[in-house]
Amino acid sequence: MKAQALHGHLDALLLAVLEQGELHGYAVIEALRVRSDGQLDLPTGTIYPALRRLERAGRVASSWSTVNGRERRTYRLTDSGRASLAGERAGWREFSATVGRFLDPAAPPSAPA
């Protein structure tokens, strides 16, 4: 799946990954890959700018640490990020239910107003 297909959803995915706990950048990429069964194999050039954008917005905080002599930036969800994720989830449920009425042949039709 290409990053372009995720337009508008990448931030929510990153927040959801960080909800599990602090992760360094590459571990975020790996978590996306694992949780999506390999469907989300996104490049660093997509993930790191999005993490920086979320940090500037106050939804993610980061700190530097040294692991095995290597500097790593570790990201964590902020309270604002948790609130944003809750809103993203509510919006996603509404969006998928609405679109599902058209694209899911098993979905019951809505009653006319």
C-alpha atoms as a PDB file:
ATOM      1  CA  MET A   1       0.000   0.000   0.000  1.00  0.00           C
ATOM      2  CA  LYS A   2       1.447   3.350  -0.983  1.00  0.00           C
ATOM      3  CA  ALA A   3       1.705   6.341   1.330  1.00  0.00           C
ATOM      4  CA  GLN A   4      -0.500   8.356  -1.026  1.00  0.00           C
ATOM      5  CA  ALA A   5      -3.389   5.946  -0.398  1.00  0.00           C
ATOM      6  CA  LEU A   6      -3.169   6.811   3.298  1.00  0.00           C
ATOM      7  CA  HIS A   7      -3.610  10.519   2.713  1.00  0.00           C
ATOM      8  CA  GLY A   8      -5.501  11.924   5.677  1.00  0.00           C
ATOM      9  CA  HIS A   9      -5.050   8.792   7.799  1.00  0.00           C
ATOM     10  CA  LEU A  10      -1.305   8.591   8.422  1.00  0.00           C
ATOM     11  CA  ASP A  11      -1.375  10.797  11.524  1.00  0.00           C
ATOM     12  CA  ALA A  12      -4.089   8.643  13.114  1.00  0.00           C
ATOM     13  CA  LEU A  13      -2.118   5.482  12.355  1.00  0.00           C
ATOM     14  CA  LEU A  14       1.016   6.933  13.937  1.00  0.00           C
ATOM     15  CA  LEU A  15      -0.898   8.045  17.023  1.00  0.00           C
ATOM     16  CA  ALA A  16      -2.432   4.571  17.328  1.00  0.00           C
ATOM     17  CA  VAL A  17       0.989   2.919  17.118  1.00  0.00           C
ATOM     18  CA  LEU A  18       2.372   5.234  19.814  1.00  0.00           C
ATOM     19  CA  GLU A  19      -0.639   4.539  22.035  1.00  0.00           C
ATOM     20  CA  GLN A  20       1.058   1.222  22.834  1.00  0.00           C
ATOM     21  CA  GLY A  21       4.080   3.015  24.314  1.00  0.00           C
ATOM     22  CA  GLU A  22       7.260   4.888  23.452  1.00  0.00           C
ATOM     23  CA  LEU A  23       9.023   3.884  20.243  1.00  0.00           C
ATOM     24  CA  HIS A  24      11.981   5.137  18.260  1.00  0.00           C
ATOM     25  CA  GLY A  25      11.379   6.066  14.642  1.00  0.00           C
ATOM     26  CA  TYR A  26      12.368   2.808  12.994  1.00  0.00           C
ATOM     27  CA  ALA A  27      10.305   0.845  15.550  1.00  0.00           C
ATOM     28  CA  VAL A  28       7.273   2.952  14.532  1.00  0.00           C
ATOM     29  CA  ILE A  29       7.848   1.922  10.903  1.00  0.00           C
ATOM     30  CA  GLU A  30       8.220  -1.712  11.939  1.00  0.00           C
ATOM     31  CA  ALA A  31       5.057  -1.594  14.090  1.00  0.00           C
ATOM     32  CA  LEU A  32       3.067  -0.257  11.118  1.00  0.00           C
ATOM     33  CA  ARG A  33       4.449  -3.045   8.946  1.00  0.00           C
ATOM     34  CA  VAL A  34       3.735  -5.800  11.502  1.00  0.00           C
ATOM     35  CA  ARG A  35       0.247  -4.642  12.527  1.00  0.00           C
ATOM     36  CA  SER A  36      -0.769  -4.351   8.857  1.00  0.00           C
ATOM     37  CA  ASP A  37       0.639  -7.776   7.908  1.00  0.00           C
ATOM     38  CA  GLY A  38       3.123  -6.048   5.627  1.00  0.00           C
ATOM     39  CA  GLN A  39       0.588  -3.852   3.821  1.00  0.00           C
ATOM     40  CA  LEU A  40       2.007  -0.640   5.319  1.00  0.00           C
ATOM     41  CA  ASP A  41       5.690  -0.711   4.400  1.00  0.00           C
ATOM     42  CA  LEU A  42       6.238   3.033   4.445  1.00  0.00           C
ATOM     43  CA  PRO A  43       9.573   4.743   3.836  1.00  0.00           C
ATOM     44  CA  THR A  44      11.390   6.858   6.407  1.00  0.00           C
ATOM     45  CA  GLY A  45      10.785   9.851   4.140  1.00  0.00           C
ATOM     46  CA  THR A  46       7.081   9.510   4.880  1.00  0.00           C
ATOM     47  CA  ILE A  47       7.168   8.591   8.568  1.00  0.00           C
ATOM     48  CA  TYR A  48       9.783  10.961  10.000  1.00  0.00           C
ATOM     49  CA  PRO A  49       8.261  14.159   8.564  1.00  0.00           C
ATOM     50  CA  ALA A  50       4.846  13.056   9.859  1.00  0.00           C
ATOM     51  CA  LEU A  51       6.280  12.415  13.335  1.00  0.00           C
ATOM     52  CA  ARG A  52       7.900  15.863  13.309  1.00  0.00           C
ATOM     53  CA  ARG A  53       4.608  17.430  12.210  1.00  0.00           C
ATOM     54  CA  LEU A  54       2.780  15.659  15.062  1.00  0.00           C
ATOM     55  CA  GLU A  55       5.458  16.850  17.469  1.00  0.00           C
ATOM     56  CA  ARG A  56       5.098  20.470  16.324  1.00  0.00           C
ATOM     57  CA  ALA A  57       1.336  20.131  16.822  1.00  0.00           C
ATOM     58  CA  GLY A  58       1.872  18.897  20.390  1.00  0.00           C
ATOM     59  CA  ARG A  59       0.367  15.460  19.783  1.00  0.00           C
ATOM     60  CA  VAL A  60       3.688  13.650  20.125  1.00  0.00           C
ATOM     61  CA  ALA A  61       6.742  14.400  22.271  1.00  0.00           C
ATOM     62  CA  SER A  62      10.233  13.067  21.708  1.00  0.00           C
ATOM     63  CA  SER A  63      13.514  12.673  23.512  1.00  0.00           C
ATOM     64  CA  TRP A  64      16.985  11.557  22.496  1.00  0.00           C
ATOM     65  CA  SER A  65      18.656   8.506  23.956  1.00  0.00           C
ATOM     66  CA  THR A  66      21.768   6.493  23.244  1.00  0.00           C
ATOM     67  CA  VAL A  67      21.346   2.777  22.578  1.00  0.00           C
ATOM     68  CA  ASN A  68      24.456   0.690  21.842  1.00  0.00           C
ATOM     69  CA  GLY A  69      26.356   3.881  21.080  1.00  0.00           C
ATOM     70  CA  ARG A  70      23.732   5.136  18.620  1.00  0.00           C
ATOM     71  CA  GLU A  71      21.580   8.203  19.092  1.00  0.00           C
ATOM     72  CA  ARG A  72      17.877   7.514  18.745  1.00  0.00           C
ATOM     73  CA  ARG A  73      14.892   9.770  19.012  1.00  0.00           C
ATOM     74  CA  THR A  74      12.072   8.141  20.936  1.00  0.00           C
ATOM     75  CA  TYR A  75       8.493   9.290  20.412  1.00  0.00           C
ATOM     76  CA  ARG A  76       5.568   9.140  22.829  1.00  0.00           C
ATOM     77  CA  LEU A  77       1.944  10.178  22.746  1.00  0.00           C
ATOM     78  CA  THR A  78       0.932  13.313  24.655  1.00  0.00           C
ATOM     79  CA  ASP A  79      -2.434  13.964  26.303  1.00  0.00           C
ATOM     80  CA  SER A  80      -3.311  16.091  23.282  1.00  0.00           C
ATOM     81  CA  GLY A  81      -2.332  13.174  21.051  1.00  0.00           C
ATOM     82  CA  ARG A  82      -4.611  10.820  22.995  1.00  0.00           C
ATOM     83  CA  ALA A  83      -7.520  13.238  22.606  1.00  0.00           C
ATOM     84  CA  SER A  84      -6.760  13.624  18.907  1.00  0.00           C
ATOM     85  CA  LEU A  85      -6.640   9.843  18.472  1.00  0.00           C
ATOM     86  CA  ALA A  86     -10.048   9.495  20.133  1.00  0.00           C
ATOM     87  CA  GLY A  87     -11.449  12.048  17.682  1.00  0.00           C
ATOM     88  CA  GLU A  88      -9.785  10.310  14.738  1.00  0.00           C
ATOM     89  CA  ARG A  89     -11.308   6.992  15.789  1.00  0.00           C
ATOM     90  CA  ALA A  90     -14.790   8.483  16.064  1.00  0.00           C
ATOM     91  CA  GLY A  91     -14.402  10.121  12.654  1.00  0.00           C
ATOM     92  CA  TRP A  92     -13.139   6.865  11.149  1.00  0.00           C
ATOM     93  CA  ARG A  93     -16.114   4.892  12.486  1.00  0.00           C
ATOM     94  CA  GLU A  94     -18.524   7.431  11.013  1.00  0.00           C
ATOM     95  CA  PHE A  95     -16.676   7.573   7.685  1.00  0.00           C
ATOM     96  CA  SER A  96     -16.376   3.801   7.288  1.00  0.00           C
ATOM     97  CA  ALA A  97     -20.034   3.250   8.224  1.00  0.00           C
ATOM     98  CA  THR A  98     -21.152   5.826   5.666  1.00  0.00           C
ATOM     99  CA  VAL A  99     -18.927   4.588   2.841  1.00  0.00           C
ATOM    100  CA  GLY A 100     -19.757   0.987   3.778  1.00  0.00           C
ATOM    101  CA  ARG A 101     -23.387   1.673   2.947  1.00  0.00           C
ATOM    102  CA  PHE A 102     -22.281   2.035  -0.666  1.00  0.00           C
ATOM    103  CA  LEU A 103     -19.327  -0.315  -1.007  1.00  0.00           C
ATOM    104  CA  ASP A 104     -20.308  -3.229   1.233  1.00  0.00           C
ATOM    105  CA  PRO A 105     -22.952  -5.288  -0.563  1.00  0.00           C
ATOM    106  CA  ALA A 106     -23.908  -6.979   2.738  1.00  0.00           C
ATOM    107  CA  ALA A 107     -24.659  -3.662   4.453  1.00  0.00           C
ATOM    108  CA  PRO A 108     -28.375  -3.038   4.923  1.00  0.00           C
ATOM    109  CA  PRO A 109     -29.694   0.036   3.098  1.00  0.00           C
ATOM    110  CA  SER A 110     -30.617   3.055   5.187  1.00  0.00           C
ATOM    111  CA  ALA A 111     -34.278   3.870   5.655  1.00  0.00           C
ATOM    112  CA  PRO A 112     -35.409   6.889   3.616  1.00  0.00           C
ATOM    113  CA  ALA A 113     -35.758  10.110   5.573  1.00  0.00           C
END
